[in-house]
Amino acid sequence: MSSTGRGASSEAEAREKARARAEAIAYREQNRKDRAKARTLTNMVWALLACFVVVAFLMVVTWRPKEEKIRAVEYTAQLQDAKRVAPWVRGPSPMPAGWTATSVEFRTPEQSPVTWHLGIVTNEKKYVGLEQSNVTGGKYQSDELGRTIDDGTSTVEGVTWQRKVLDERRDENALVLVDSGVTTIVVGNAGYPALEAFASVLR
């Protein structure tokens, strides 16, 4: 082989080696970049996860259930006005400790039949309602209570009240007294003992 042929072959081999080295260097550089990018993404994911864990922990530690604010109403003046028109109207005297009146309504004779309502929240955040009317028929009871199931009786201050379970309102009961042309209903989800306690202070 001539010296010219050998020179050309050596140059070709040198170029091939240089190209292979360049490709190897480029591959290593790209691989390094890919690994660095992967490490950065992994670190970011772990950092975000750590932040979520810290935030969740703080929420659990600092969260407190929001208590619904009870808005009290003054009912005694309206009770006295109602008694002057309808002497059979009754109200708590005294109001059980920690109980708060939250609604009151008296419908005058022009809106016959006469009705009296007092709504109360107990110290255990349960509801007790007083409903009275000079109507003794079953329609008034069904209008106030819906469908009911008789549940025996309660004796309060020597007076017998009919116990009722409200079929259409969950966990609610009522005490019903029909006497002297007046229907008195004590109703709520506070349980029979609380309803009886309230009935015992009605004057």
Protein backbone atom coordinates (compact mmCIF):
# COMPACT_ATOMS: atom_id res chain seq x y z
CA MET A 1 0.00 0.00 0.00
CA SER A 2 1.27 3.45 -0.84
CA SER A 3 2.08 6.06 1.76
CA THR A 4 -0.80 8.14 0.41
CA GLY A 5 -3.29 5.30 1.10
CA ARG A 6 -1.96 4.75 4.58
CA GLY A 7 -2.24 8.46 5.33
CA ALA A 8 -5.85 8.59 4.18
CA SER A 9 -6.70 5.52 6.26
CA SER A 10 -5.10 7.03 9.37
CA GLU A 11 -6.99 10.26 8.90
CA ALA A 12 -10.27 8.37 8.52
CA GLU A 13 -9.59 6.38 11.67
CA ALA A 14 -8.70 9.58 13.54
CA ARG A 15 -11.92 11.23 12.40
CA GLU A 16 -13.95 8.18 13.43
CA LYS A 17 -12.31 8.11 16.85
CA ALA A 18 -12.90 11.84 17.29
CA ARG A 19 -16.54 11.41 16.29
CA ALA A 20 -16.95 8.51 18.73
CA ARG A 21 -15.35 10.54 21.52
CA ALA A 22 -17.59 13.51 20.74
CA GLU A 23 -20.69 11.28 20.79
CA ALA A 24 -19.59 9.71 24.06
CA ILE A 25 -18.97 13.12 25.62
CA ALA A 26 -22.35 14.41 24.38
CA TYR A 27 -24.09 11.27 25.72
CA ARG A 28 -22.45 11.63 29.12
CA GLU A 29 -23.35 15.32 29.29
CA GLN A 30 -26.98 14.64 28.33
CA ASN A 31 -27.16 11.78 30.83
CA ARG A 32 -25.77 14.09 33.53
CA LYS A 33 -28.38 16.72 32.70
CA ASP A 34 -31.17 14.13 32.73
CA ARG A 35 -30.07 12.82 36.15
CA ALA A 36 -29.83 16.35 37.52
CA LYS A 37 -33.33 17.14 36.22
CA ALA A 38 -34.70 13.93 37.71
CA ARG A 39 -33.11 14.71 41.05
CA THR A 40 -34.56 18.24 40.97
CA LEU A 41 -38.10 16.93 40.22
CA THR A 42 -37.81 14.30 42.95
CA ASN A 43 -36.61 16.90 45.43
CA MET A 44 -39.48 19.19 44.48
CA VAL A 45 -42.03 16.41 44.97
CA TRP A 46 -40.62 15.51 48.38
CA ALA A 47 -40.51 19.18 49.38
CA LEU A 48 -44.15 19.65 48.39
CA LEU A 49 -45.12 16.50 50.25
CA ALA A 50 -43.33 17.74 53.36
CA CYS A 51 -45.17 21.07 53.11
CA PHE A 52 -48.52 19.27 52.82
CA VAL A 53 -47.73 17.18 55.87
CA VAL A 54 -46.82 20.27 57.91
CA VAL A 55 -49.94 22.15 56.80
CA ALA A 56 -52.18 19.15 57.55
CA PHE A 57 -50.62 18.79 60.99
CA LEU A 58 -51.16 22.47 61.77
CA MET A 59 -54.78 22.26 60.61
CA VAL A 60 -55.43 19.26 62.85
CA VAL A 61 -53.76 20.92 65.84
CA THR A 62 -55.34 24.36 65.47
CA TRP A 63 -58.80 23.48 64.07
CA ARG A 64 -61.73 24.07 66.37
CA PRO A 65 -65.36 23.44 65.48
CA LYS A 66 -67.21 26.68 64.85
CA GLU A 67 -69.98 27.07 67.36
CA GLU A 68 -73.18 28.54 66.08
CA LYS A 69 -73.90 31.74 67.94
CA ILE A 70 -77.21 31.68 69.82
CA ARG A 71 -79.22 34.86 69.46
CA ALA A 72 -81.25 35.41 72.61
CA VAL A 73 -84.59 37.22 72.51
CA GLU A 74 -86.43 39.06 75.26
CA TYR A 75 -89.75 37.30 75.70
CA THR A 76 -91.06 38.33 79.14
CA ALA A 77 -92.72 41.57 78.03
CA GLN A 78 -94.51 39.81 75.18
CA LEU A 79 -95.52 37.02 77.56
CA GLN A 80 -97.15 39.52 79.90
CA ASP A 81 -98.95 41.19 76.99
CA ALA A 82 -100.19 37.79 75.82
CA LYS A 83 -101.45 36.91 79.31
CA ARG A 84 -103.54 40.08 79.39
CA VAL A 85 -105.31 39.01 76.20
CA ALA A 86 -105.32 35.27 76.86
CA PRO A 87 -104.93 34.42 80.57
CA TRP A 88 -104.29 30.77 79.76
CA VAL A 89 -100.95 31.55 78.08
CA ARG A 90 -98.06 30.06 80.03
CA GLY A 91 -94.33 30.67 80.17
CA PRO A 92 -91.33 29.41 82.15
CA SER A 93 -91.00 30.83 85.64
CA PRO A 94 -88.14 30.58 86.15
CA MET A 95 -86.36 29.66 82.92
CA PRO A 96 -84.14 26.61 83.56
CA ALA A 97 -80.52 27.58 84.19
CA GLY A 98 -78.49 27.94 81.02
CA TRP A 99 -81.54 27.84 78.72
CA THR A 100 -82.02 30.68 76.23
CA ALA A 101 -85.16 31.90 74.51
CA THR A 102 -84.49 32.32 70.78
CA SER A 103 -87.95 32.95 69.28
CA VAL A 104 -91.31 34.24 70.47
CA GLU A 105 -94.65 34.87 68.78
CA PHE A 106 -98.18 35.69 69.92
CA ARG A 107 -101.04 35.80 67.44
CA THR A 108 -103.90 37.99 68.59
CA PRO A 109 -107.62 37.12 68.50
CA GLU A 110 -107.96 38.90 65.13
CA GLN A 111 -105.82 36.06 63.77
CA SER A 112 -108.05 33.42 65.40
CA PRO A 113 -107.30 30.91 66.71
CA VAL A 114 -105.08 32.46 69.36
CA THR A 115 -101.60 30.91 69.39
CA TRP A 116 -98.53 31.37 71.55
CA HIS A 117 -95.03 30.16 70.69
CA LEU A 118 -91.77 30.21 72.60
CA GLY A 119 -88.61 28.59 71.21
CA ILE A 120 -85.69 27.76 73.50
CA VAL A 121 -82.17 26.33 73.25
CA THR A 122 -81.05 24.32 76.27
CA ASN A 123 -77.65 24.40 77.94
CA GLU A 124 -76.83 21.26 75.92
CA LYS A 125 -77.68 23.03 72.63
CA LYS A 126 -80.93 21.11 72.21
CA TYR A 127 -84.26 22.60 71.15
CA VAL A 128 -87.41 22.89 73.25
CA GLY A 129 -90.52 24.60 71.92
CA LEU A 130 -93.73 25.65 73.66
CA GLU A 131 -96.88 25.81 71.52
CA GLN A 132 -100.28 26.81 72.90
CA SER A 133 -103.69 27.51 71.40
CA ASN A 134 -107.31 27.82 72.41
CA VAL A 135 -108.05 25.00 69.95
CA THR A 136 -108.49 21.47 71.28
CA GLY A 137 -109.05 19.51 68.08
CA GLY A 138 -106.56 17.11 66.56
CA LYS A 139 -105.86 19.39 63.59
CA TYR A 140 -103.88 21.85 65.71
CA GLN A 141 -101.67 19.04 67.01
CA SER A 142 -101.12 17.62 63.53
CA ASP A 143 -100.31 21.09 62.19
CA GLU A 144 -97.67 21.55 64.89
CA LEU A 145 -96.29 18.03 65.09
CA GLY A 146 -97.15 16.19 61.90
CA ARG A 147 -97.76 12.46 62.25
CA THR A 148 -97.13 11.18 65.78
CA ILE A 149 -97.07 7.89 67.67
CA ASP A 150 -98.45 7.69 71.21
CA ASP A 151 -95.68 6.83 73.66
CA GLY A 152 -97.32 6.56 77.07
CA THR A 153 -97.67 9.41 79.57
CA SER A 154 -95.65 11.65 81.86
CA THR A 155 -96.88 13.01 85.17
CA VAL A 156 -95.60 16.54 85.80
CA GLU A 157 -96.60 18.42 88.96
CA GLY A 158 -99.49 15.97 89.38
CA VAL A 159 -100.77 16.57 85.82
CA THR A 160 -100.76 13.81 83.21
CA TRP A 161 -99.32 14.71 79.79
CA GLN A 162 -99.52 12.51 76.71
CA ARG A 163 -96.15 11.50 75.35
CA LYS A 164 -95.73 11.44 71.58
CA VAL A 165 -92.96 10.45 69.18
CA LEU A 166 -92.81 12.64 66.09
CA ASP A 167 -92.91 10.31 63.12
CA GLU A 168 -91.71 12.87 60.57
CA ARG A 169 -89.00 14.61 62.61
CA ARG A 170 -86.00 12.60 63.70
CA ASP A 171 -85.24 12.31 67.43
CA GLU A 172 -88.07 14.64 68.44
CA ASN A 173 -90.70 14.02 71.07
CA ALA A 174 -93.59 15.97 72.51
CA LEU A 175 -95.67 16.28 75.65
CA VAL A 176 -99.28 17.24 74.95
CA LEU A 177 -101.85 18.51 77.45
CA VAL A 178 -105.45 19.31 76.51
CA ASP A 179 -107.25 20.99 79.41
CA SER A 180 -109.92 23.65 79.92
CA GLY A 181 -110.24 24.41 76.23
CA VAL A 182 -106.50 24.90 75.72
CA THR A 183 -103.90 22.71 74.01
CA THR A 184 -100.36 22.96 75.38
CA ILE A 185 -97.48 21.27 73.54
CA VAL A 186 -93.88 21.00 74.72
CA VAL A 187 -91.80 19.64 71.86
CA GLY A 188 -88.16 19.21 70.95
CA ASN A 189 -85.12 16.99 70.57
CA ALA A 190 -83.90 17.40 74.15
CA GLY A 191 -85.50 14.16 75.38
CA TYR A 192 -88.45 13.53 77.70
CA PRO A 193 -86.62 14.47 80.95
CA ALA A 194 -85.84 17.96 79.60
CA LEU A 195 -89.36 18.38 78.22
CA GLU A 196 -90.78 17.36 81.61
CA ALA A 197 -88.43 19.78 83.40
CA PHE A 198 -89.64 22.58 81.18
CA ALA A 199 -93.31 21.66 81.62
CA SER A 200 -92.82 21.73 85.38
CA VAL A 201 -91.87 25.45 85.36
CA LEU A 202 -94.69 26.67 83.16
CA ARG A 203 -96.82 29.20 84.98
